[in-house]
Amino acid sequence: MNAGLTVACDAIWLQLQNYRVIPLNERLDGSELEQAIQRGTPARPDLRRNDFYDVELGGGRAYVHVHHDLQTVYLVAYLG
């Protein structure tokens, strides 16, 4: 979650209904992220990777990959 890899402008609105969240690390909990993306949350797109986002959550920041074909959001990293 390097700040240099995300867009320096305003965030987009990420709202994904019926998408499941899968943490790539079994020690991460994706429940807060899942709730946030269902109701809608600001996210900053990664300029170097398509469909990767930096998402601000109440307890920290999540770096995620959205796979639209599978209706899945992969929780890649969490900094809390």
Protein backbone atom coordinates (compact mmCIF):
# COMPACT_ATOMS: atom_id res chain seq x y z
CA MET A 1 0.00 0.00 0.00
CA ASN A 2 2.54 2.47 -1.15
CA ALA A 3 0.97 5.92 -1.46
CA GLY A 4 2.98 6.49 -4.64
CA LEU A 5 1.04 3.75 -6.39
CA THR A 6 -2.40 5.23 -5.91
CA VAL A 7 -4.14 8.11 -7.62
CA ALA A 8 -3.37 11.43 -5.97
CA CYS A 9 -6.78 12.86 -6.94
CA ASP A 10 -10.20 12.27 -5.45
CA ALA A 11 -11.23 8.73 -4.69
CA ILE A 12 -13.84 6.84 -6.68
CA TRP A 13 -16.94 5.34 -5.09
CA LEU A 14 -16.63 1.55 -4.79
CA GLN A 15 -19.96 -0.18 -4.23
CA LEU A 16 -20.29 -3.84 -5.06
CA GLN A 17 -23.44 -5.74 -4.18
CA ASN A 18 -23.28 -9.55 -3.93
CA TYR A 19 -19.47 -9.67 -4.11
CA ARG A 20 -17.69 -11.93 -1.66
CA VAL A 21 -14.47 -10.91 0.06
CA ILE A 22 -11.62 -13.41 0.23
CA PRO A 23 -8.56 -12.54 2.32
CA LEU A 24 -5.36 -13.84 0.70
CA ASN A 25 -3.83 -14.20 4.16
CA GLU A 26 -5.78 -16.43 6.53
CA ARG A 27 -4.93 -14.10 9.44
CA LEU A 28 -6.85 -11.21 7.84
CA ASP A 29 -10.54 -10.63 8.48
CA GLY A 30 -12.51 -9.34 5.52
CA SER A 31 -15.81 -8.64 7.30
CA GLU A 32 -15.26 -4.87 7.71
CA LEU A 33 -14.25 -4.60 4.05
CA GLU A 34 -17.25 -6.63 2.91
CA GLN A 35 -19.66 -4.36 4.79
CA ALA A 36 -17.94 -1.26 3.42
CA ILE A 37 -18.10 -2.29 -0.23
CA GLN A 38 -21.73 -3.38 0.06
CA ARG A 39 -22.85 0.01 1.37
CA GLY A 40 -20.27 1.91 -0.74
CA THR A 41 -16.92 3.36 0.22
CA PRO A 42 -14.29 5.70 -1.22
CA ALA A 43 -11.37 3.90 -2.89
CA ARG A 44 -8.24 5.06 -4.68
CA PRO A 45 -7.34 3.14 -7.86
CA ASP A 46 -3.82 1.80 -8.24
CA LEU A 47 -2.27 3.46 -11.30
CA ARG A 48 -0.09 0.46 -12.09
CA ARG A 49 -2.61 -2.36 -11.75
CA ASN A 50 -6.11 -2.58 -13.19
CA ASP A 51 -8.88 -3.30 -10.68
CA PHE A 52 -6.64 -2.81 -7.62
CA TYR A 53 -7.68 -0.25 -5.00
CA ASP A 54 -6.59 1.26 -1.71
CA VAL A 55 -9.64 1.45 0.58
CA GLU A 56 -9.82 3.47 3.81
CA LEU A 57 -11.64 1.59 6.57
CA GLY A 58 -12.49 2.64 10.10
CA GLY A 59 -9.70 0.53 11.55
CA GLY A 60 -7.09 1.01 8.83
CA ARG A 61 -6.43 0.67 5.10
CA ALA A 62 -6.99 -2.27 2.81
CA TYR A 63 -5.36 -3.00 -0.53
CA VAL A 64 -7.76 -5.03 -2.67
CA HIS A 65 -8.19 -6.57 -6.10
CA VAL A 66 -11.68 -6.68 -7.64
CA HIS A 67 -12.33 -9.63 -9.93
CA HIS A 68 -15.61 -8.75 -11.62
CA ASP A 69 -16.02 -12.03 -13.54
CA LEU A 70 -16.04 -13.97 -10.25
CA GLN A 71 -17.84 -11.25 -8.24
CA THR A 72 -14.99 -11.46 -5.75
CA VAL A 73 -12.86 -8.91 -3.92
CA TYR A 74 -9.48 -10.24 -2.83
CA LEU A 75 -8.10 -8.64 0.33
CA VAL A 76 -4.41 -8.49 -0.53
CA ALA A 77 -3.08 -6.49 2.44
CA TYR A 78 -4.38 -4.66 5.48
CA LEU A 79 -2.63 -2.01 7.52
CA GLY A 80 -4.42 -1.21 10.73
